[in-house]
């Protein structure tokens, strides 16, 4: 049994984990930086420990301090949430070495999927389709150019150990390749301490579709359906929905089956997400696996009725999955809008400062995951995500209308505080979006930015 869990995170996901722990009768321990002393997760947790100065490196990324906090608090386990140390194999290993339960997948799976090249190799060997490209890291730009010519332009250069769009460059023509290669490698080295890159065929106007996985320590793996995550800005998702309007029942079944197949190939347990791109001809290719809870997990919870965070905790306690694949039913449609504290009129520059007033929308089918409140000060040190607004209804059209209504009622006021709510409203009013005619370059194509 786990009786007390330290949450190695902050913001809305820390609050979300506290809710799940409380419903399971498990005590929670919050950690916080000096900048987060008045954050909601600190107020809600049973115990709270200050972990360090405001910067992430000195606080939420300080592995030694977090392990020490866990031992001091008497916590049995650590839930890493998403971001920060959630996909850090060294941290998961450190937890294991100190006898702390890591609420996540096995270290070996984190390590294998954290290397995008290794992940592609494993999935290809397991029979999962992958994007045409290199299966070995490329260190020499001249060698890379030769390979790019063989693949055929356009190509995309990606960081082997990367994510979030860093260390990524789109190359449309041969003459751009060398500079793009060096730029991507340098950015990857600075961001991840690993300058290796690989090359893939660039899929024009692809859809980003991902499958939610749940697996236990007894070899059982199921999927909870897919999420459509094609609405992105700078490779960062801003709207997600479940299910995808692009998949037929037959293709949905096939994609779920290959995602489970891929997860089983690495002995996966806990929650995880297999991510795919679908080209304009309907071909689907694996791109990566996220070995953690996703920001967008609520839309899956809304259509399945399954609390994914609770399941992660129960799996960590060696419990068998409580569901078989045939038990998973999809009801209605859910759509999530990420509310970032950014100024759309100033190139989406993050905004920080005190929130004077907040009104969160409600009503049937509306869920708000957030850590903000009236009087809360948004610190300038972390990700700009301050809330997630999720709408559910019996079909996609009604869910969109419900989300639009809720966005119009969402009020966040404070001097200098701006959000991307106006951008969301513009997207929801777009006719192509309403029809489900979307792809990862959608916002640039319709000039909505």
Protein backbone atom coordinates (compact mmCIF):
# COMPACT_ATOMS: atom_id res chain seq x y z
CA UNK A 1 0.00 0.00 0.00
CA UNK A 2 0.98 3.60 -0.62
CA UNK A 3 -0.08 5.85 2.24
CA UNK A 4 1.67 9.12 1.33
CA UNK A 5 2.77 10.54 -2.04
CA UNK A 6 5.13 13.42 -2.78
CA UNK A 7 4.15 15.35 -5.91
CA UNK A 8 7.28 16.40 -7.80
CA UNK A 9 5.51 19.13 -9.74
CA UNK A 10 3.51 22.34 -9.49
CA UNK A 11 0.53 24.12 -11.05
CA UNK A 12 -2.63 22.48 -12.31
CA UNK A 13 -1.22 18.95 -12.58
CA UNK A 14 -0.12 19.02 -8.93
CA UNK A 15 -3.66 20.03 -7.96
CA UNK A 16 -5.08 17.29 -10.19
CA UNK A 17 -2.91 14.65 -8.51
CA UNK A 18 -3.94 15.86 -5.04
CA UNK A 19 -7.62 15.37 -5.98
CA UNK A 20 -6.94 11.76 -7.03
CA UNK A 21 -4.91 11.01 -3.90
CA UNK A 22 -7.57 12.44 -1.61
CA UNK A 23 -10.28 10.31 -3.22
CA UNK A 24 -8.09 7.24 -2.71
CA UNK A 25 -7.49 8.11 0.94
CA UNK A 26 -3.76 8.75 0.38
CA UNK A 27 -1.94 11.70 1.95
CA UNK A 28 -0.20 14.24 -0.29
CA UNK A 29 3.07 16.12 0.06
CA UNK A 30 3.56 19.23 -2.06
CA UNK A 31 6.94 20.67 -2.89
CA UNK A 32 7.27 24.31 -3.85
CA UNK A 33 9.81 26.90 -4.85
CA UNK A 34 10.09 30.28 -3.16
CA UNK A 35 8.02 31.71 -6.03
CA UNK A 36 5.20 29.19 -5.44
CA UNK A 37 4.69 29.67 -1.72
CA UNK A 38 1.09 30.81 -2.28
CA UNK A 39 0.27 28.35 -5.04
CA UNK A 40 -2.96 26.35 -4.77
CA UNK A 41 -1.25 22.95 -4.64
CA UNK A 42 0.64 24.07 -1.54
CA UNK A 43 -2.63 25.06 0.17
CA UNK A 44 -4.46 21.84 -0.78
CA UNK A 45 -1.78 19.28 0.11
CA UNK A 46 -1.65 17.59 3.50
CA UNK A 47 2.00 18.59 3.85
CA UNK A 48 4.25 21.03 1.98
CA UNK A 49 8.02 21.41 1.78
CA UNK A 50 9.93 24.31 0.26
CA UNK A 51 12.36 22.85 -2.22
CA UNK A 52 14.53 25.79 -3.31
CA UNK A 53 14.79 29.15 -5.11
CA UNK A 54 12.40 30.18 -7.93
CA UNK A 55 14.29 28.82 -10.94
CA UNK A 56 13.34 25.30 -12.03
CA UNK A 57 16.95 24.14 -12.00
CA UNK A 58 17.25 24.97 -8.31
CA UNK A 59 13.83 23.65 -7.32
CA UNK A 60 11.61 21.40 -9.44
CA UNK A 61 14.59 19.92 -11.31
CA UNK A 62 16.73 19.49 -8.19
CA UNK A 63 16.66 15.71 -7.89
CA UNK A 64 18.68 15.46 -4.68
CA UNK A 65 16.48 17.98 -2.88
CA UNK A 66 13.31 16.23 -4.03
CA UNK A 67 14.53 12.83 -2.85
CA UNK A 68 15.53 14.38 0.47
CA UNK A 69 12.09 16.00 0.80
CA UNK A 70 10.49 12.63 0.14
CA UNK A 71 12.52 10.97 2.87
CA UNK A 72 11.96 13.80 5.35
CA UNK A 73 8.20 13.77 4.76
CA UNK A 74 7.92 10.00 5.06
CA UNK A 75 6.35 9.67 1.62
CA UNK A 76 6.27 6.17 0.13
CA UNK A 77 6.06 7.28 -3.48
CA UNK A 78 6.61 10.13 -5.91
CA UNK A 79 4.26 11.19 -8.69
CA UNK A 80 6.19 13.29 -11.23
CA UNK A 81 3.21 14.70 -13.18
CA UNK A 82 4.30 15.96 -16.62
CA UNK A 83 7.31 18.06 -17.61
CA UNK A 84 10.20 18.64 -15.21
CA UNK A 85 11.47 15.16 -14.16
CA UNK A 86 8.52 13.09 -15.42
CA UNK A 87 10.51 11.43 -18.23
CA UNK A 88 13.92 11.54 -16.59
CA UNK A 89 15.26 7.99 -16.33
CA UNK A 90 17.98 9.06 -13.90
CA UNK A 91 15.36 10.43 -11.50
CA UNK A 92 13.23 7.28 -11.76
CA UNK A 93 16.37 5.22 -11.07
CA UNK A 94 17.22 7.43 -8.12
CA UNK A 95 13.75 6.83 -6.66
CA UNK A 96 14.24 3.09 -7.02
CA UNK A 97 17.67 3.22 -5.36
CA UNK A 98 16.17 5.01 -2.35
CA UNK A 99 13.27 2.59 -1.99
CA UNK A 100 10.73 5.14 -3.23
CA UNK A 101 7.92 4.00 -5.53
CA UNK A 102 7.98 5.94 -8.79
CA UNK A 103 4.40 6.40 -10.01
CA UNK A 104 5.19 5.90 -13.66
CA UNK A 105 6.61 3.34 -16.08
CA UNK A 106 9.75 1.20 -15.70
CA UNK A 107 13.09 2.97 -15.97
CA UNK A 108 14.00 0.90 -19.04
CA UNK A 109 10.91 2.11 -20.92
CA UNK A 110 11.58 5.76 -20.04
CA UNK A 111 15.16 5.42 -21.23
CA UNK A 112 14.26 3.62 -24.47
CA UNK A 113 11.46 6.01 -25.44
CA UNK A 114 13.46 9.08 -24.37
CA UNK A 115 15.84 8.41 -27.26
CA UNK A 116 13.69 9.11 -30.31
CA UNK A 117 15.95 7.10 -32.61
CA UNK A 118 15.94 4.06 -30.32
CA UNK A 119 12.17 4.41 -29.98
CA UNK A 120 11.72 4.29 -33.76
CA UNK A 121 13.90 1.17 -33.99
CA UNK A 122 11.94 -0.64 -31.30
CA UNK A 123 8.59 0.26 -32.80
CA UNK A 124 9.63 -0.68 -36.32
CA UNK A 125 10.82 -4.08 -35.05
CA UNK A 126 7.48 -4.50 -33.26
CA UNK A 127 5.59 -3.96 -36.52
CA UNK A 128 4.49 -0.40 -35.80
CA UNK A 129 4.77 1.86 -38.89
CA UNK A 130 7.30 4.70 -38.52
CA UNK A 131 7.97 7.82 -40.59
CA UNK A 132 10.53 7.18 -43.37
CA UNK A 133 13.94 8.43 -42.23
CA UNK A 134 17.16 7.55 -40.44
CA UNK A 135 17.33 5.01 -37.64
CA UNK A 136 20.79 6.11 -36.54
CA UNK A 137 21.92 9.52 -35.25
CA UNK A 138 23.60 11.79 -37.78
CA UNK A 139 26.54 13.84 -36.52
CA UNK A 140 28.02 15.06 -39.80
CA UNK A 141 26.02 17.65 -41.81
CA UNK A 142 27.48 16.48 -45.13
CA UNK A 143 26.41 12.91 -44.38
CA UNK A 144 23.01 14.24 -43.37
CA UNK A 145 22.65 16.11 -46.65
CA UNK A 146 23.37 12.95 -48.62
CA UNK A 147 20.67 11.09 -46.70
CA UNK A 148 18.21 13.95 -47.06
CA UNK A 149 18.62 13.83 -50.84
CA UNK A 150 17.86 10.12 -50.79
CA UNK A 151 14.73 10.63 -48.67
CA UNK A 152 13.67 13.59 -50.79
CA UNK A 153 12.93 17.15 -49.72
CA UNK A 154 11.20 18.48 -47.72
CA UNK A 155 12.72 16.81 -44.65
CA UNK A 156 12.63 17.58 -40.97
CA UNK A 157 15.64 17.45 -38.63
CA UNK A 158 14.84 16.42 -35.05
CA UNK A 159 16.77 16.15 -31.81
CA UNK A 160 17.33 12.52 -30.79
CA UNK A 161 16.79 13.32 -27.11
CA UNK A 162 14.37 16.18 -27.63
CA UNK A 163 10.78 17.25 -27.49
CA UNK A 164 8.55 20.31 -27.45
CA UNK A 165 9.81 21.53 -30.82
CA UNK A 166 13.37 22.23 -29.62
CA UNK A 167 16.16 20.98 -31.85
CA UNK A 168 13.72 20.71 -34.74
CA UNK A 169 14.12 22.31 -38.17
CA UNK A 170 12.06 22.01 -41.34
CA UNK A 171 14.20 22.01 -44.48
CA UNK A 172 12.39 22.68 -47.72
CA UNK A 173 15.36 22.87 -50.10
CA UNK A 174 18.84 21.39 -50.38
CA UNK A 175 20.60 24.75 -50.02
CA UNK A 176 19.08 25.28 -46.54
CA UNK A 177 20.14 21.95 -45.12
CA UNK A 178 23.65 22.54 -43.70
CA UNK A 179 22.71 25.65 -41.72
CA UNK A 180 19.50 24.02 -40.48
CA UNK A 181 21.41 20.91 -39.39
CA UNK A 182 23.98 22.89 -37.40
CA UNK A 183 21.28 25.09 -35.85
CA UNK A 184 19.17 22.08 -34.78
CA UNK A 185 22.18 20.25 -33.34
CA UNK A 186 23.34 23.28 -31.36
CA UNK A 187 19.86 23.93 -29.98
CA UNK A 188 19.50 20.26 -29.00
CA UNK A 189 22.88 20.32 -27.26
CA UNK A 190 21.94 23.42 -25.25
CA UNK A 191 18.44 22.18 -24.41
CA UNK A 192 19.07 18.51 -23.69
CA UNK A 193 22.85 18.12 -23.38
CA UNK A 194 22.73 15.90 -26.47
CA UNK A 195 23.44 17.31 -29.92
CA UNK A 196 22.54 14.19 -31.90
CA UNK A 197 19.86 14.60 -34.52
CA UNK A 198 18.01 12.40 -36.98
CA UNK A 199 16.23 13.06 -40.26
CA UNK A 200 12.69 12.21 -41.31
CA UNK A 201 10.59 12.74 -44.39
CA UNK A 202 8.47 15.82 -43.78
CA UNK A 203 4.78 15.04 -44.00
CA UNK A 204 2.90 18.02 -45.36
CA UNK A 205 -0.24 19.01 -43.49
CA UNK A 206 -0.31 15.93 -41.22
CA UNK A 207 -2.75 15.36 -38.39
CA UNK A 208 -1.32 14.68 -34.92
CA UNK A 209 -3.18 11.74 -33.38
CA UNK A 210 -2.21 10.00 -30.16
CA UNK A 211 -3.39 6.91 -28.30
CA UNK A 212 -3.79 6.78 -24.52
CA UNK A 213 -2.27 3.62 -23.05
CA UNK A 214 -2.75 1.99 -19.65
CA UNK A 215 -0.72 -1.02 -18.58
CA UNK A 216 -0.13 -2.87 -15.32
CA UNK A 217 2.85 -4.77 -13.90
CA UNK A 218 1.21 -8.10 -14.76
CA UNK A 219 1.51 -7.75 -18.55
CA UNK A 220 -1.96 -6.34 -19.22
CA UNK A 221 -2.13 -3.36 -21.61
CA UNK A 222 -5.20 -1.59 -22.98
CA UNK A 223 -5.87 1.65 -24.85
CA UNK A 224 -8.45 4.32 -24.06
CA UNK A 225 -8.90 5.60 -27.60
CA UNK A 226 -7.27 8.44 -29.44
CA UNK A 227 -6.94 12.19 -29.11
CA UNK A 228 -6.74 14.67 -31.97
CA UNK A 229 -3.97 17.18 -31.17
CA UNK A 230 -3.46 18.89 -34.54
CA UNK A 231 -4.15 22.47 -33.43
CA UNK A 232 -0.66 23.62 -32.48
CA UNK A 233 1.44 26.75 -32.31
CA UNK A 234 5.21 26.35 -32.63
CA UNK A 235 4.81 22.58 -32.20
CA UNK A 236 2.95 23.12 -28.92
CA UNK A 237 -0.60 21.79 -28.66
CA UNK A 238 -3.28 24.30 -27.70
CA UNK A 239 -6.51 22.41 -28.49
CA UNK A 240 -7.07 18.68 -28.07
CA UNK A 241 -10.16 16.57 -28.56
CA UNK A 242 -11.37 13.00 -28.28
CA UNK A 243 -12.16 11.20 -30.38
CA UNK A 244 -10.56 12.29 -33.66
CA UNK A 245 -13.03 13.32 -36.38
CA UNK A 246 -10.63 11.83 -38.95
CA UNK A 247 -10.73 8.15 -37.98
CA UNK A 248 -13.23 5.53 -39.04
CA UNK A 249 -14.17 2.82 -36.53
CA UNK A 250 -12.04 0.35 -38.47
CA UNK A 251 -8.95 2.59 -38.44
CA UNK A 252 -9.54 3.47 -34.78
CA UNK A 253 -9.54 -0.22 -33.85
CA UNK A 254 -6.37 -0.85 -35.89
CA UNK A 255 -4.51 2.12 -34.43
CA UNK A 256 -5.41 1.13 -30.88
CA UNK A 257 -4.18 -2.39 -31.50
CA UNK A 258 -0.79 -1.33 -32.87
CA UNK A 259 -0.34 1.16 -30.01
CA UNK A 260 -0.92 -1.65 -27.50
CA UNK A 261 1.46 -3.83 -29.49
CA UNK A 262 4.16 -1.17 -29.29
CA UNK A 263 3.66 -0.67 -25.54
CA UNK A 264 3.91 -4.39 -24.89
CA UNK A 265 7.16 -4.52 -26.88
CA UNK A 266 8.86 -2.45 -24.16
CA UNK A 267 7.14 -4.06 -21.17
CA UNK A 268 5.23 -0.88 -20.48
CA UNK A 269 3.08 -0.21 -17.44
CA UNK A 270 1.38 2.93 -16.03
CA UNK A 271 -0.16 5.62 -18.23
CA UNK A 272 1.55 6.53 -21.48
CA UNK A 273 0.82 7.96 -24.89
CA UNK A 274 1.78 6.66 -28.31
CA UNK A 275 1.97 9.58 -30.75
CA UNK A 276 1.37 9.33 -34.48
CA UNK A 277 1.18 11.50 -37.58
CA UNK A 278 -1.44 10.85 -40.25
CA UNK A 279 -0.68 12.16 -43.74
CA UNK A 280 -3.24 13.53 -46.20
CA UNK A 281 -3.64 10.06 -47.72
CA UNK A 282 -4.56 8.50 -44.38
CA UNK A 283 -1.23 6.76 -43.77
CA UNK A 284 -0.33 6.70 -40.07
CA UNK A 285 3.20 6.70 -38.65
CA UNK A 286 4.58 6.44 -35.11
CA UNK A 287 6.69 9.45 -34.05
CA UNK A 288 7.28 9.06 -30.29
CA UNK A 289 5.97 7.79 -26.98
CA UNK A 290 5.41 10.02 -23.96
CA UNK A 291 6.07 7.96 -20.85
CA UNK A 292 3.96 10.04 -18.47
CA UNK A 293 0.53 11.56 -17.93
CA UNK A 294 -0.34 14.03 -20.71
CA UNK A 295 -1.58 17.59 -20.31
CA UNK A 296 -4.61 16.62 -22.41
CA UNK A 297 -5.62 13.50 -20.46
CA UNK A 298 -8.95 15.06 -19.32
CA UNK A 299 -10.61 14.68 -22.72
CA UNK A 300 -10.02 10.93 -22.56
CA UNK A 301 -11.37 10.82 -19.02
CA UNK A 302 -14.49 12.69 -20.12
CA UNK A 303 -15.42 10.20 -22.85
CA UNK A 304 -14.44 7.01 -20.99
CA UNK A 305 -15.28 7.84 -17.37
CA UNK A 306 -11.89 6.50 -16.28
CA UNK A 307 -9.71 8.49 -13.86
CA UNK A 308 -6.28 8.01 -15.43
CA UNK A 309 -4.35 9.52 -12.52
CA UNK A 310 -6.02 7.17 -10.05
CA UNK A 311 -5.20 4.23 -12.30
CA UNK A 312 -1.53 5.26 -12.35
CA UNK A 313 -1.46 5.20 -8.55
CA UNK A 314 -3.21 1.84 -8.31
CA UNK A 315 -0.87 0.34 -10.92
CA UNK A 316 2.11 1.59 -8.88
CA UNK A 317 0.67 -0.40 -5.96
CA UNK A 318 0.92 -3.56 -8.12
CA UNK A 319 -2.83 -3.79 -8.69
CA UNK A 320 -4.06 -5.40 -11.89
CA UNK A 321 -5.91 -3.27 -14.41
CA UNK A 322 -9.55 -3.04 -13.48
CA UNK A 323 -10.61 -2.95 -17.15
CA UNK A 324 -10.31 -5.19 -20.17
CA UNK A 325 -10.27 -3.74 -23.69
CA UNK A 326 -13.88 -4.77 -24.29
CA UNK A 327 -14.93 -2.75 -21.22
CA UNK A 328 -13.78 0.52 -22.79
CA UNK A 329 -16.67 2.44 -24.31
CA UNK A 330 -16.56 5.94 -25.78
CA UNK A 331 -19.40 8.29 -24.96
CA UNK A 332 -19.87 11.63 -26.70
CA UNK A 333 -17.12 14.08 -27.59
CA UNK A 334 -14.73 16.16 -25.44
CA UNK A 335 -12.56 19.11 -26.38
CA UNK A 336 -9.93 20.95 -24.34
CA UNK A 337 -8.58 24.48 -24.70
CA UNK A 338 -5.29 25.24 -22.99
CA UNK A 339 -5.43 28.66 -21.37
CA UNK A 340 -1.93 30.15 -21.47
CA UNK A 341 -0.98 33.45 -19.88
CA UNK A 342 0.36 34.91 -23.13
CA UNK A 343 -0.33 38.08 -25.09
CA UNK A 344 -1.52 37.18 -28.62
CA UNK A 345 -1.04 40.80 -29.74
CA UNK A 346 2.65 40.81 -28.73
CA UNK A 347 3.78 37.61 -30.44
CA UNK A 348 2.45 35.49 -27.57
CA UNK A 349 4.94 36.79 -25.04
CA UNK A 350 4.25 35.20 -21.61
CA UNK A 351 2.62 37.51 -19.06
CA UNK A 352 3.08 37.39 -15.30
CA UNK A 353 1.67 39.30 -12.36
CA UNK A 354 -1.17 39.37 -9.86
CA UNK A 355 -4.63 38.15 -10.85
CA UNK A 356 -7.21 40.47 -9.33
CA UNK A 357 -10.30 38.50 -10.31
CA UNK A 358 -11.13 35.07 -11.71
CA UNK A 359 -14.47 33.67 -12.79
CA UNK A 360 -14.37 30.06 -13.95
CA UNK A 361 -17.22 28.82 -16.13
CA UNK A 362 -19.49 25.98 -15.09
CA UNK A 363 -22.64 24.18 -16.13
CA UNK A 364 -23.27 20.70 -17.55
CA UNK A 365 -20.33 19.07 -19.30
CA UNK A 366 -17.76 21.70 -18.26
CA UNK A 367 -14.52 20.96 -16.38
CA UNK A 368 -11.78 23.41 -15.41
CA UNK A 369 -8.35 22.12 -14.31
CA UNK A 370 -6.42 25.04 -12.86
CA UNK A 371 -4.33 26.33 -9.99
CA UNK A 372 -5.22 30.02 -10.27
CA UNK A 373 -7.53 32.02 -8.01
CA UNK A 374 -8.37 35.68 -7.31
CA UNK A 375 -5.29 37.15 -5.66
CA UNK A 376 -2.88 34.59 -7.12
CA UNK A 377 0.36 35.90 -8.65
CA UNK A 378 1.53 34.20 -11.84
CA UNK A 379 5.32 33.78 -11.48
CA UNK A 380 7.54 34.48 -14.51
CA UNK A 381 9.72 31.39 -14.08
CA UNK A 382 7.57 28.55 -15.41
CA UNK A 383 5.37 27.38 -18.27
CA UNK A 384 2.60 29.81 -19.19
CA UNK A 385 -0.21 27.25 -18.84
CA UNK A 386 -2.59 28.47 -16.11
CA UNK A 387 -5.78 26.52 -16.83
CA UNK A 388 -7.40 23.89 -19.01
CA UNK A 389 -11.03 24.28 -20.02
CA UNK A 390 -12.71 21.04 -21.09
CA UNK A 391 -16.16 20.71 -22.62
CA UNK A 392 -18.11 17.48 -23.17
CA UNK A 393 -21.32 16.90 -25.11
CA UNK A 394 -22.99 14.15 -27.10
CA UNK A 395 -21.25 15.07 -30.38
CA UNK A 396 -18.42 17.26 -31.70
CA UNK A 397 -20.59 20.14 -32.89
CA UNK A 398 -22.33 20.45 -29.53
CA UNK A 399 -19.04 20.13 -27.63
CA UNK A 400 -17.54 22.98 -29.68
CA UNK A 401 -20.56 25.18 -28.98
CA UNK A 402 -20.38 24.38 -25.28
CA UNK A 403 -16.65 25.16 -25.18
CA UNK A 404 -17.26 28.46 -26.95
CA UNK A 405 -19.92 29.41 -24.40
CA UNK A 406 -17.61 28.53 -21.52
CA UNK A 407 -14.66 30.46 -22.99
CA UNK A 408 -16.83 33.56 -23.27
CA UNK A 409 -17.63 33.23 -19.55
CA UNK A 410 -14.02 32.62 -18.43
CA UNK A 411 -12.76 35.85 -16.85
CA UNK A 412 -9.14 36.37 -15.76
CA UNK A 413 -8.31 39.96 -14.84
CA UNK A 414 -5.12 41.54 -13.59
CA UNK A 415 -2.75 44.33 -14.57
CA UNK A 416 -0.66 43.14 -17.50
CA UNK A 417 -2.30 39.70 -17.55
CA UNK A 418 -3.31 38.46 -21.02
CA UNK A 419 -4.49 35.02 -22.12
CA UNK A 420 -5.04 33.19 -25.39
CA UNK A 421 -8.81 32.91 -24.86
CA UNK A 422 -9.42 35.32 -27.81
CA UNK A 423 -7.37 33.00 -30.06
CA UNK A 424 -9.44 29.99 -29.00
CA UNK A 425 -12.67 31.80 -29.85
CA UNK A 426 -11.36 32.64 -33.32
CA UNK A 427 -10.40 29.00 -33.90
CA UNK A 428 -13.79 27.69 -32.80
CA UNK A 429 -15.53 30.08 -35.20
CA UNK A 430 -13.47 28.93 -38.19
CA UNK A 431 -15.49 26.92 -40.71
CA UNK A 432 -12.65 24.52 -41.52
CA UNK A 433 -12.16 23.77 -37.86
CA UNK A 434 -15.86 23.14 -37.42
CA UNK A 435 -15.72 20.62 -40.25
CA UNK A 436 -12.68 18.88 -38.73
CA UNK A 437 -10.51 19.87 -41.70
CA UNK A 438 -7.38 20.49 -39.62
CA UNK A 439 -3.66 19.67 -39.54
CA UNK A 440 -0.57 20.70 -37.56
CA UNK A 441 0.02 23.81 -39.68
CA UNK A 442 -3.62 24.86 -39.53
CA UNK A 443 -3.10 28.12 -37.62
CA UNK A 444 -0.38 29.32 -39.99
CA UNK A 445 -2.40 28.35 -43.06
CA UNK A 446 -5.51 30.31 -42.12
CA UNK A 447 -3.40 33.22 -40.79
CA UNK A 448 -5.29 33.15 -37.49
CA UNK A 449 -2.17 34.10 -35.55
